[in-house]
C-alpha atoms as a PDB file:
ATOM      1  CA  MET A   1       3.332  -8.317   0.806  1.00  0.00           C
ATOM      2  CA  SER A   2       2.765  -4.573   1.140  1.00  0.00           C
ATOM      3  CA  PHE A   3       4.912  -2.011  -0.649  1.00  0.00           C
ATOM      4  CA  SER A   4       6.302  -0.880   2.715  1.00  0.00           C
ATOM      5  CA  ASN A   5       7.370  -4.440   3.544  1.00  0.00           C
ATOM      6  CA  ASN A   6       8.985  -4.799   0.133  1.00  0.00           C
ATOM      7  CA  VAL A   7      11.024  -1.654   0.763  1.00  0.00           C
ATOM      8  CA  LYS A   8      12.172  -2.960   4.159  1.00  0.00           C
ATOM      9  CA  LYS A   9      13.031  -6.350   2.707  1.00  0.00           C
ATOM     10  CA  GLU A  10      15.211  -4.681   0.082  1.00  0.00           C
ATOM     11  CA  LEU A  11      16.883  -2.359   2.613  1.00  0.00           C
ATOM     12  CA  SER A  12      17.658  -5.301   4.894  1.00  0.00           C
ATOM     13  CA  SER A  13      19.634  -7.003   2.146  1.00  0.00           C
ATOM     14  CA  ILE A  14      21.877  -4.043   1.257  1.00  0.00           C
ATOM     15  CA  PRO A  15      25.520  -4.828   2.031  1.00  0.00           C
ATOM     16  CA  LEU A  16      27.186  -2.359   4.398  1.00  0.00           C
ATOM     17  CA  LYS A  17      30.662  -0.893   4.567  1.00  0.00           C
ATOM     18  CA  ASP A  18      32.435  -1.355   7.886  1.00  0.00           C
ATOM     19  CA  CYS A  19      32.005   2.344   8.661  1.00  0.00           C
ATOM     20  CA  CYS A  20      28.220   2.077   8.220  1.00  0.00           C
ATOM     21  CA  LEU A  21      27.512  -0.845  10.550  1.00  0.00           C
ATOM     22  CA  LYS A  22      27.359   1.257  13.711  1.00  0.00           C
ATOM     23  CA  ALA A  23      25.359   4.012  12.015  1.00  0.00           C
ATOM     24  CA  GLU A  24      22.525   1.657  11.144  1.00  0.00           C
ATOM     25  CA  LEU A  25      22.611  -0.119  14.509  1.00  0.00           C
ATOM     26  CA  VAL A  26      22.414   3.208  16.375  1.00  0.00           C
ATOM     27  CA  SER A  27      19.148   4.076  14.613  1.00  0.00           C
ATOM     28  CA  PHE A  28      17.735   0.630  15.323  1.00  0.00           C
ATOM     29  CA  ILE A  29      18.445   0.862  19.038  1.00  0.00           C
ATOM     30  CA  ARG A  30      17.473   4.505  19.548  1.00  0.00           C
ATOM     31  CA  LEU A  31      14.168   4.235  17.683  1.00  0.00           C
ATOM     32  CA  ARG A  32      13.016   0.669  18.261  1.00  0.00           C
ATOM     33  CA  SER A  33      14.540  -0.882  21.366  1.00  0.00           C
ATOM     34  CA  ASN A  34      13.119  -0.939  24.872  1.00  0.00           C
ATOM     35  CA  ASP A  35      16.138  -0.366  27.075  1.00  0.00           C
ATOM     36  CA  SER A  36      16.233  -1.228  30.751  1.00  0.00           C
ATOM     37  CA  ILE A  37      19.140   0.520  32.511  1.00  0.00           C
ATOM     38  CA  THR A  38      19.680   0.222  36.244  1.00  0.00           C
ATOM     39  CA  SER A  39      22.737   0.472  38.439  1.00  0.00           C
ATOM     40  CA  ASP A  40      23.477  -3.225  38.208  1.00  0.00           C
ATOM     41  CA  TYR A  41      21.621  -4.506  35.154  1.00  0.00           C
ATOM     42  CA  ILE A  42      21.264  -3.391  31.527  1.00  0.00           C
ATOM     43  CA  THR A  43      19.210  -5.080  28.801  1.00  0.00           C
ATOM     44  CA  ILE A  44      18.008  -4.230  25.323  1.00  0.00           C
ATOM     45  CA  SER A  45      14.817  -5.725  23.984  1.00  0.00           C
ATOM     46  CA  PHE A  46      13.494  -5.309  20.495  1.00  0.00           C
ATOM     47  CA  SER A  47      10.048  -6.312  19.194  1.00  0.00           C
ATOM     48  CA  THR A  48       8.660  -6.298  15.664  1.00  0.00           C
ATOM     49  CA  THR A  49       6.551  -8.196  13.148  1.00  0.00           C
ATOM     50  CA  GLN A  50       9.163  -7.662  10.431  1.00  0.00           C
ATOM     51  CA  ILE A  51      11.352 -10.740  10.047  1.00  0.00           C
ATOM     52  CA  SER A  52      13.685  -8.761   7.748  1.00  0.00           C
ATOM     53  CA  ALA A  53      14.289  -6.210  10.538  1.00  0.00           C
ATOM     54  CA  VAL A  54      14.938  -9.045  13.011  1.00  0.00           C
ATOM     55  CA  ARG A  55      17.575 -10.573  10.762  1.00  0.00           C
ATOM     56  CA  ARG A  56      19.225  -7.218  10.190  1.00  0.00           C
ATOM     57  CA  MET A  57      19.365  -6.405  13.916  1.00  0.00           C
ATOM     58  CA  MET A  58      20.853  -9.814  14.731  1.00  0.00           C
ATOM     59  CA  PHE A  59      23.396  -9.472  11.939  1.00  0.00           C
ATOM     60  CA  LEU A  60      24.562  -6.055  13.147  1.00  0.00           C
ATOM     61  CA  LEU A  61      24.877  -7.091  16.797  1.00  0.00           C
ATOM     62  CA  ARG A  62      26.798 -10.257  15.969  1.00  0.00           C
ATOM     63  CA  LYS A  63      28.983  -8.637  13.322  1.00  0.00           C
ATOM     64  CA  LEU A  64      30.019  -5.707  15.512  1.00  0.00           C
ATOM     65  CA  TYR A  65      30.038  -7.190  19.029  1.00  0.00           C
ATOM     66  CA  ASN A  66      29.544 -10.926  18.649  1.00  0.00           C
ATOM     67  CA  ALA A  67      26.571 -10.405  20.959  1.00  0.00           C
ATOM     68  CA  LYS A  68      24.353 -13.249  22.065  1.00  0.00           C
ATOM     69  CA  VAL A  69      20.776 -12.551  21.001  1.00  0.00           C
ATOM     70  CA  ASP A  70      17.810 -14.429  22.462  1.00  0.00           C
ATOM     71  CA  ILE A  71      14.761 -14.523  20.230  1.00  0.00           C
ATOM     72  CA  LYS A  72      11.196 -15.526  20.995  1.00  0.00           C
ATOM     73  CA  ILE A  73       8.424 -15.891  18.465  1.00  0.00           C
ATOM     74  CA  LYS A  74       4.700 -15.570  19.026  1.00  0.00           C
ATOM     75  CA  LYS A  75       3.162 -17.541  16.194  1.00  0.00           C
ATOM     76  CA  LYS A  76       0.243 -16.088  14.308  1.00  0.00           C
ATOM     77  CA  LYS A  77      -3.111 -17.625  15.210  1.00  0.00           C
ATOM     78  CA  ARG A  78      -5.190 -16.220  12.385  1.00  0.00           C
ATOM     79  CA  PRO A  79      -4.395 -16.757   8.688  1.00  0.00           C
ATOM     80  CA  HIS A  80      -3.711 -13.096   7.865  1.00  0.00           C
ATOM     81  CA  SER A  81      -2.106 -12.017  11.146  1.00  0.00           C
ATOM     82  CA  LYS A  82       1.666 -11.642  11.556  1.00  0.00           C
ATOM     83  CA  SER A  83       4.025 -13.475  13.864  1.00  0.00           C
ATOM     84  CA  TYR A  84       5.610 -11.315  16.559  1.00  0.00           C
ATOM     85  CA  TYR A  85       9.335 -11.431  17.326  1.00  0.00           C
ATOM     86  CA  TRP A  86      11.096 -10.445  20.562  1.00  0.00           C
ATOM     87  CA  LEU A  87      14.867 -10.008  20.646  1.00  0.00           C
ATOM     88  CA  ASN A  88      16.675  -9.668  23.940  1.00  0.00           C
ATOM     89  CA  VAL A  89      20.338  -8.824  24.508  1.00  0.00           C
ATOM     90  CA  SER A  90      21.716  -8.877  28.053  1.00  0.00           C
ATOM     91  CA  GLU A  91      25.475  -9.518  27.711  1.00  0.00           C
ATOM     92  CA  ASN A  92      27.948  -6.622  27.499  1.00  0.00           C
ATOM     93  CA  ILE A  93      25.143  -4.213  26.738  1.00  0.00           C
ATOM     94  CA  GLY A  94      26.657  -1.372  28.740  1.00  0.00           C
ATOM     95  CA  GLU A  95      29.843  -1.448  26.674  1.00  0.00           C
ATOM     96  CA  ILE A  96      27.835  -1.703  23.441  1.00  0.00           C
ATOM     97  CA  LEU A  97      25.690   1.326  24.294  1.00  0.00           C
ATOM     98  CA  LYS A  98      28.736   3.380  25.295  1.00  0.00           C
ATOM     99  CA  ASP A  99      30.598   2.374  22.141  1.00  0.00           C
ATOM    100  CA  LEU A 100      27.614   3.535  20.074  1.00  0.00           C
ATOM    101  CA  SER A 101      27.449   6.816  22.089  1.00  0.00           C
ATOM    102  CA  ILE A 102      23.866   6.040  23.080  1.00  0.00           C
ATOM    103  CA  VAL A 103      24.719   6.395  26.779  1.00  0.00           C
ATOM    104  CA  ASP A 104      27.458   8.325  28.539  1.00  0.00           C
ATOM    105  CA  SER A 105      29.989   7.028  31.059  1.00  0.00           C
ATOM    106  CA  GLU A 106      27.296   7.023  33.759  1.00  0.00           C
ATOM    107  CA  TYR A 107      24.896   5.105  31.524  1.00  0.00           C
ATOM    108  CA  LYS A 108      22.597   8.064  31.038  1.00  0.00           C
ATOM    109  CA  LEU A 109      20.921   8.423  27.640  1.00  0.00           C
ATOM    110  CA  SER A 110      22.864  10.737  25.334  1.00  0.00           C
ATOM    111  CA  PRO A 111      21.247  13.094  22.820  1.00  0.00           C
ATOM    112  CA  PRO A 112      21.196  11.979  19.179  1.00  0.00           C
ATOM    113  CA  VAL A 113      24.422  13.628  18.050  1.00  0.00           C
ATOM    114  CA  TYR A 114      26.192  11.176  15.766  1.00  0.00           C
ATOM    115  CA  SER A 115      29.745  11.524  14.569  1.00  0.00           C
ATOM    116  CA  PHE A 116      29.289   9.891  11.155  1.00  0.00           C
ATOM    117  CA  GLU A 117      30.545  12.152   8.355  1.00  0.00           C
ATOM    118  CA  ASN A 118      30.349   9.998   5.211  1.00  0.00           C
ATOM    119  CA  ASP A 119      27.212  10.087   3.050  1.00  0.00           C
ATOM    120  CA  CYS A 120      27.074   6.283   3.132  1.00  0.00           C
ATOM    121  CA  CYS A 121      26.892   6.412   6.947  1.00  0.00           C
ATOM    122  CA  LYS A 122      24.196   9.093   6.862  1.00  0.00           C
ATOM    123  CA  ALA A 123      22.249   6.894   4.490  1.00  0.00           C
ATOM    124  CA  SER A 124      22.680   4.025   6.944  1.00  0.00           C
ATOM    125  CA  ILE A 125      21.278   6.163   9.781  1.00  0.00           C
ATOM    126  CA  LEU A 126      18.144   6.893   7.731  1.00  0.00           C
ATOM    127  CA  ARG A 127      17.950   3.308   6.531  1.00  0.00           C
ATOM    128  CA  GLY A 128      18.092   1.998  10.088  1.00  0.00           C
ATOM    129  CA  ALA A 129      15.438   4.513  11.160  1.00  0.00           C
ATOM    130  CA  PHE A 130      13.083   3.415   8.402  1.00  0.00           C
ATOM    131  CA  LEU A 131      13.681  -0.263   9.115  1.00  0.00           C
ATOM    132  CA  ALA A 132      13.063   0.324  12.814  1.00  0.00           C
ATOM    133  CA  ARG A 133       9.886   2.402  12.710  1.00  0.00           C
ATOM    134  CA  GLY A 134       9.184   3.538   9.168  1.00  0.00           C
ATOM    135  CA  SER A 135       6.375   2.979   6.700  1.00  0.00           C
ATOM    136  CA  ILE A 136       5.421   4.103   3.210  1.00  0.00           C
ATOM    137  CA  ASN A 137       2.081   4.126   1.416  1.00  0.00           C
ATOM    138  CA  ASN A 138       1.490   2.051  -1.660  1.00  0.00           C
ATOM    139  CA  PRO A 139       2.207   4.478  -4.529  1.00  0.00           C
ATOM    140  CA  TYR A 140      -1.119   3.458  -6.111  1.00  0.00           C
ATOM    141  CA  SER A 141      -2.965   4.992  -3.143  1.00  0.00           C
ATOM    142  CA  LYS A 142      -4.476   8.451  -3.429  1.00  0.00           C
ATOM    143  CA  ASP A 143      -1.744  10.280  -1.491  1.00  0.00           C
ATOM    144  CA  TYR A 144       2.001   9.743  -1.244  1.00  0.00           C
ATOM    145  CA  HIS A 145       3.146   9.330   2.350  1.00  0.00           C
ATOM    146  CA  LEU A 146       6.351   8.169   4.058  1.00  0.00           C
ATOM    147  CA  GLU A 147       6.814   8.414   7.799  1.00  0.00           C
ATOM    148  CA  ILE A 148       9.206   7.458  10.578  1.00  0.00           C
ATOM    149  CA  THR A 149       7.993   7.373  14.175  1.00  0.00           C
ATOM    150  CA  THR A 150      10.510   8.491  16.784  1.00  0.00           C
ATOM    151  CA  PRO A 151      10.238   8.197  20.583  1.00  0.00           C
ATOM    152  CA  THR A 152      11.139  11.869  21.161  1.00  0.00           C
ATOM    153  CA  LEU A 153      10.995  15.191  19.322  1.00  0.00           C
ATOM    154  CA  GLN A 154      14.778  15.404  19.667  1.00  0.00           C
ATOM    155  CA  GLU A 155      15.229  12.234  17.602  1.00  0.00           C
ATOM    156  CA  ALA A 156      12.764  13.512  14.980  1.00  0.00           C
ATOM    157  CA  VAL A 157      14.544  16.866  14.632  1.00  0.00           C
ATOM    158  CA  PHE A 158      17.882  15.116  14.210  1.00  0.00           C
ATOM    159  CA  LEU A 159      16.552  12.991  11.332  1.00  0.00           C
ATOM    160  CA  GLN A 160      14.767  16.036   9.913  1.00  0.00           C
ATOM    161  CA  ASN A 161      18.062  17.963   9.764  1.00  0.00           C
ATOM    162  CA  LEU A 162      19.764  14.973   8.192  1.00  0.00           C
ATOM    163  CA  LEU A 163      17.103  14.874   5.479  1.00  0.00           C
ATOM    164  CA  LYS A 164      17.596  18.594   4.816  1.00  0.00           C
ATOM    165  CA  GLU A 165      21.162  17.817   3.777  1.00  0.00           C
ATOM    166  CA  ILE A 166      19.784  15.844   0.821  1.00  0.00           C
ATOM    167  CA  ASN A 167      17.132  18.506   0.083  1.00  0.00           C
ATOM    168  CA  VAL A 168      14.253  16.463   1.462  1.00  0.00           C
ATOM    169  CA  GLU A 169      11.822  18.555   3.494  1.00  0.00           C
ATOM    170  CA  ALA A 170      10.128  16.497   6.212  1.00  0.00           C
ATOM    171  CA  LYS A 171       7.584  17.719   8.734  1.00  0.00           C
ATOM    172  CA  THR A 172       6.824  16.519  12.259  1.00  0.00           C
ATOM    173  CA  ILE A 173       3.616  15.887  14.133  1.00  0.00           C
ATOM    174  CA  LYS A 174       3.040  14.768  17.720  1.00  0.00           C
ATOM    175  CA  ARG A 175       1.028  11.574  18.190  1.00  0.00           C
ATOM    176  CA  SER A 176       0.338   9.233  21.075  1.00  0.00           C
ATOM    177  CA  LYS A 177       3.000   6.765  19.898  1.00  0.00           C
ATOM    178  CA  GLY A 178       5.694   9.452  19.610  1.00  0.00           C
ATOM    179  CA  THR A 179       6.795  12.195  17.227  1.00  0.00           C
ATOM    180  CA  VAL A 180       6.187  11.307  13.599  1.00  0.00           C
ATOM    181  CA  LEU A 181       8.467  12.574  10.860  1.00  0.00           C
ATOM    182  CA  TYR A 182       6.671  12.486   7.504  1.00  0.00           C
ATOM    183  CA  ILE A 183       7.170  13.274   3.809  1.00  0.00           C
ATOM    184  CA  LYS A 184       4.227  13.919   1.475  1.00  0.00           C
ATOM    185  CA  LYS A 185       5.766  14.905  -1.857  1.00  0.00           C
ATOM    186  CA  GLY A 186       6.286  12.087  -4.344  1.00  0.00           C
ATOM    187  CA  GLU A 187       9.581  13.395  -5.743  1.00  0.00           C
ATOM    188  CA  GLN A 188      11.027  13.784  -2.237  1.00  0.00           C
ATOM    189  CA  ILE A 189      10.003  10.253  -1.259  1.00  0.00           C
ATOM    190  CA  ALA A 190      11.785   9.120  -4.418  1.00  0.00           C
ATOM    191  CA  ASP A 191      14.894  11.056  -3.299  1.00  0.00           C
ATOM    192  CA  PHE A 192      14.723   9.320   0.094  1.00  0.00           C
ATOM    193  CA  LEU A 193      14.485   5.846  -1.482  1.00  0.00           C
ATOM    194  CA  LYS A 194      17.399   6.672  -3.770  1.00  0.00           C
ATOM    195  CA  PHE A 195      19.580   7.955  -0.917  1.00  0.00           C
ATOM    196  CA  VAL A 196      19.019   4.926   1.346  1.00  0.00           C
ATOM    197  CA  GLY A 197      19.743   2.541  -1.535  1.00  0.00           C
ATOM    198  CA  ALA A 198      16.294   1.045  -2.257  1.00  0.00           C
ATOM    199  CA  SER A 199      16.868   0.986  -6.030  1.00  0.00           C
ATOM    200  CA  ASN A 200      14.246  -1.616  -6.944  1.00  0.00           C
ATOM    201  CA  SER A 201      11.629   0.048  -4.776  1.00  0.00           C
ATOM    202  CA  LEU A 202      12.570   3.403  -6.288  1.00  0.00           C
ATOM    203  CA  PHE A 203      11.987   2.085  -9.824  1.00  0.00           C
ATOM    204  CA  ALA A 204       8.640   0.580  -8.801  1.00  0.00           C
ATOM    205  CA  PHE A 205       7.620   3.804  -7.052  1.00  0.00           C
ATOM    206  CA  GLU A 206       8.643   6.031  -9.972  1.00  0.00           C
ATOM    207  CA  ASP A 207       6.947   3.738 -12.489  1.00  0.00           C
ATOM    208  CA  VAL A 208       3.630   4.103 -10.657  1.00  0.00           C
ATOM    209  CA  ARG A 209       4.180   7.849 -10.153  1.00  0.00           C
ATOM    210  CA  ILE A 210       4.833   8.398 -13.873  1.00  0.00           C
ATOM    211  CA  LYS A 211       1.713   6.414 -14.788  1.00  0.00           C
ATOM    212  CA  LYS A 212      -0.396   8.379 -12.303  1.00  0.00           C
ATOM    213  CA  ASP A 213       0.967  11.700 -13.559  1.00  0.00           C
ATOM    214  CA  LEU A 214       0.333  10.628 -17.175  1.00  0.00           C
ATOM    215  CA  ASN A 215      -3.227   9.545 -16.355  1.00  0.00           C
ATOM    216  CA  ASN A 216      -3.850  12.836 -14.544  1.00  0.00           C
ATOM    217  CA  TYR A 217      -2.482  14.754 -17.530  1.00  0.00           C
ATOM    218  CA  VAL A 218      -4.628  12.792 -19.989  1.00  0.00           C
ATOM    219  CA  ASN A 219      -7.701  13.316 -17.790  1.00  0.00           C
ATOM    220  CA  ARG A 220      -7.030  17.048 -17.643  1.00  0.00           C
ATOM    221  CA  ILE A 221      -6.672  17.198 -21.431  1.00  0.00           C
ATOM    222  CA  MET A 222      -9.849  15.177 -21.921  1.00  0.00           C
ATOM    223  CA  ASN A 223     -11.765  17.321 -19.457  1.00  0.00           C
ATOM    224  CA  CYS A 224     -10.483  20.421 -21.211  1.00  0.00           C
ATOM    225  CA  ASP A 225     -11.511  19.014 -24.610  1.00  0.00           C
ATOM    226  CA  VAL A 226     -14.967  18.119 -23.290  1.00  0.00           C
ATOM    227  CA  ALA A 227     -15.361  21.577 -21.771  1.00  0.00           C
ATOM    228  CA  ASN A 228     -14.268  23.229 -25.020  1.00  0.00           C
ATOM    229  CA  GLU A 229     -16.639  21.051 -27.042  1.00  0.00           C
ATOM    230  CA  GLN A 230     -19.536  21.857 -24.725  1.00  0.00           C
ATOM    231  CA  LYS A 231     -18.689  25.544 -24.978  1.00  0.00           C
ATOM    232  CA  ALA A 232     -18.545  25.333 -28.793  1.00  0.00           C
ATOM    233  CA  ILE A 233     -21.929  23.560 -28.913  1.00  0.00           C
ATOM    234  CA  ALA A 234     -23.507  26.180 -26.643  1.00  0.00           C
ATOM    235  CA  THR A 235     -22.016  28.998 -28.743  1.00  0.00           C
ATOM    236  CA  ALA A 236     -23.248  27.443 -31.989  1.00  0.00           C
ATOM    237  CA  ALA A 237     -26.746  27.013 -30.534  1.00  0.00           C
ATOM    238  CA  LYS A 238     -26.818  30.672 -29.499  1.00  0.00           C
ATOM    239  CA  GLN A 239     -25.672  31.750 -32.967  1.00  0.00           C
ATOM    240  CA  LEU A 240     -28.394  29.676 -34.639  1.00  0.00           C
ATOM    241  CA  GLU A 241     -30.947  31.175 -32.267  1.00  0.00           C
ATOM    242  CA  ASN A 242     -29.834  34.698 -33.233  1.00  0.00           C
ATOM    243  CA  ILE A 243     -29.975  33.827 -36.936  1.00  0.00           C
ATOM    244  CA  GLU A 244     -33.481  32.436 -36.590  1.00  0.00           C
ATOM    245  CA  TYR A 245     -34.651  35.525 -34.697  1.00  0.00           C
ATOM    246  CA  LEU A 246     -33.020  37.852 -37.210  1.00  0.00           C
ATOM    247  CA  GLU A 247     -34.625  36.072 -40.174  1.00  0.00           C
ATOM    248  CA  LYS A 248     -38.059  36.188 -38.533  1.00  0.00           C
ATOM    249  CA  HIS A 249     -38.067  39.778 -37.298  1.00  0.00           C
ATOM    250  CA  TYR A 250     -35.703  41.605 -39.657  1.00  0.00           C
ATOM    251  CA  GLY A 251     -34.985  39.515 -42.711  1.00  0.00           C
ATOM    252  CA  LEU A 252     -31.672  38.738 -44.361  1.00  0.00           C
ATOM    253  CA  ILE A 253     -31.938  40.855 -47.506  1.00  0.00           C
ATOM    254  CA  ASP A 254     -30.350  43.983 -46.048  1.00  0.00           C
ATOM    255  CA  LEU A 255     -27.420  42.203 -44.391  1.00  0.00           C
ATOM    256  CA  THR A 256     -23.866  42.719 -45.646  1.00  0.00           C
ATOM    257  CA  PRO A 257     -22.256  39.925 -47.716  1.00  0.00           C
ATOM    258  CA  ARG A 258     -19.881  39.037 -44.877  1.00  0.00           C
ATOM    259  CA  LEU A 259     -22.785  38.455 -42.480  1.00  0.00           C
ATOM    260  CA  ILE A 260     -24.652  36.452 -45.127  1.00  0.00           C
ATOM    261  CA  ASP A 261     -21.580  34.228 -45.609  1.00  0.00           C
ATOM    262  CA  ALA A 262     -21.292  33.672 -41.853  1.00  0.00           C
ATOM    263  CA  ILE A 263     -24.992  32.744 -41.690  1.00  0.00           C
ATOM    264  CA  ILE A 264     -24.624  30.310 -44.600  1.00  0.00           C
ATOM    265  CA  LEU A 265     -21.630  28.645 -42.905  1.00  0.00           C
ATOM    266  CA  ARG A 266     -23.392  28.301 -39.580  1.00  0.00           C
ATOM    267  CA  THR A 267     -26.692  26.970 -40.965  1.00  0.00           C
ATOM    268  CA  ASN A 268     -24.876  24.437 -43.168  1.00  0.00           C
ATOM    269  CA  HIS A 269     -22.615  23.278 -40.317  1.00  0.00           C
ATOM    270  CA  PRO A 270     -24.673  23.804 -37.127  1.00  0.00           C
ATOM    271  CA  ASP A 271     -22.422  21.780 -34.786  1.00  0.00           C
ATOM    272  CA  ASP A 272     -18.989  22.955 -35.913  1.00  0.00           C
ATOM    273  CA  SER A 273     -16.641  25.206 -33.976  1.00  0.00           C
ATOM    274  CA  LEU A 274     -15.450  28.499 -35.419  1.00  0.00           C
ATOM    275  CA  SER A 275     -12.152  26.875 -36.399  1.00  0.00           C
ATOM    276  CA  GLN A 276     -13.978  24.162 -38.307  1.00  0.00           C
ATOM    277  CA  LEU A 277     -16.224  26.741 -39.993  1.00  0.00           C
ATOM    278  CA  SER A 278     -13.136  28.672 -41.050  1.00  0.00           C
ATOM    279  CA  ASP A 279     -11.607  25.534 -42.573  1.00  0.00           C
ATOM    280  CA  LYS A 280     -14.803  24.866 -44.562  1.00  0.00           C
ATOM    281  CA  SER A 281     -15.419  28.476 -45.599  1.00  0.00           C
ATOM    282  CA  ALA A 282     -13.654  28.308 -48.971  1.00  0.00           C
ATOM    283  CA  ASP A 283     -15.663  25.266 -50.068  1.00  0.00           C
ATOM    284  CA  THR A 284     -18.971  26.582 -48.702  1.00  0.00           C
ATOM    285  CA  VAL A 285     -18.991  30.315 -49.608  1.00  0.00           C
ATOM    286  CA  ASN A 286     -16.126  30.359 -52.135  1.00  0.00           C
ATOM    287  CA  ARG A 287     -13.826  32.496 -49.991  1.00  0.00           C
ATOM    288  CA  TYR A 288     -11.719  31.988 -46.907  1.00  0.00           C
ATOM    289  CA  ILE A 289     -12.960  33.560 -43.681  1.00  0.00           C
ATOM    290  CA  SER A 290     -10.703  33.421 -40.621  1.00  0.00           C
ATOM    291  CA  LYS A 291     -11.866  32.267 -37.227  1.00  0.00           C
ATOM    292  CA  SER A 292     -11.459  35.831 -35.940  1.00  0.00           C
ATOM    293  CA  GLY A 293     -13.484  37.172 -38.873  1.00  0.00           C
ATOM    294  CA  LEU A 294     -16.327  34.735 -38.164  1.00  0.00           C
ATOM    295  CA  SER A 295     -16.294  35.702 -34.497  1.00  0.00           C
ATOM    296  CA  HIS A 296     -16.720  39.359 -35.415  1.00  0.00           C
ATOM    297  CA  CYS A 297     -19.570  38.491 -37.804  1.00  0.00           C
ATOM    298  CA  PHE A 298     -21.534  36.592 -35.179  1.00  0.00           C
ATOM    299  CA  LYS A 299     -20.969  39.379 -32.644  1.00  0.00           C
ATOM    300  CA  ASP A 300     -22.356  41.872 -35.161  1.00  0.00           C
ATOM    301  CA  ILE A 301     -25.380  39.634 -35.674  1.00  0.00           C
ATOM    302  CA  GLU A 302     -25.886  39.395 -31.908  1.00  0.00           C
ATOM    303  CA  ARG A 303     -25.699  43.190 -31.527  1.00  0.00           C
ATOM    304  CA  LEU A 304     -28.221  43.597 -34.336  1.00  0.00           C
ATOM    305  CA  VAL A 305     -30.589  41.098 -32.684  1.00  0.00           C
ATOM    306  CA  ASN A 306     -30.295  42.890 -29.321  1.00  0.00           C
ATOM    307  CA  LYS A 307     -31.036  46.220 -31.050  1.00  0.00           C
ATOM    308  CA  ILE A 308     -34.143  44.779 -32.718  1.00  0.00           C
ATOM    309  CA  LYS A 309     -35.354  43.359 -29.397  1.00  0.00           C
ATOM    310  CA  LYS A 310     -35.010  46.745 -27.712  1.00  0.00           C
ATOM    311  CA  GLU A 311     -36.931  48.507 -30.521  1.00  0.00           C
END
């Protein structure tokens, strides 16, 4: 089962307060149902491959309105394909839609302006929206991504404003299947999962996110260490090259004691960094030379070599 399906399965099992039942059902119907409204006949049909969403929809309709729900199942033919479920409600639908403020007194579709004030009801609106037409990437994938597809821009903007109230910034994009509301930042997806009540999914998501962040941090440190080591090796090679040139074309007799000590340290420890040379200086030349002091010595040697080359 995919991570997205696991999230929906968990959300479908969350118990609801009485005040939240309508909030979740409204999102289901507005985002997922195919309504047929005429002057003398009203039906709601609902299709999905998610059995958890089917059970939730049936529960809400029966709990709130004792509605009769007809269900048809198209069995999967191939081993890895999903069964398809069709729900159809045709009794008292007009009264249900008016009670949910989805249609007005003339059975015309109303804009998505909900009157739910409690945070638990707002969470139920978002939960119903995700159950109806939401998906989330596996956190192990390269990019974090959560999206909810809405039939109209108006619906998307409403959910977008609702998310802003919990400091989650979602963006919208127009696609052939509708307007998609999406979240890309891992911490904001975590905030969404927390707000809608998907605690187990949140822990699983955060566990993977922490591991990924730790691996990225370790990789950065390792890459930095490798880069520093390569730089130190290249610097040491250049210093040895300067020493060899100086010995061949100038000699070491006239050099100052500090430069002689630096040359002794480098030739005895050709692969060490300046910090390592500094640590070994007391044992090698019988006096401590700081990393900064060694750096100045090798720069003086390099300047002397460049002067000799010019002459």
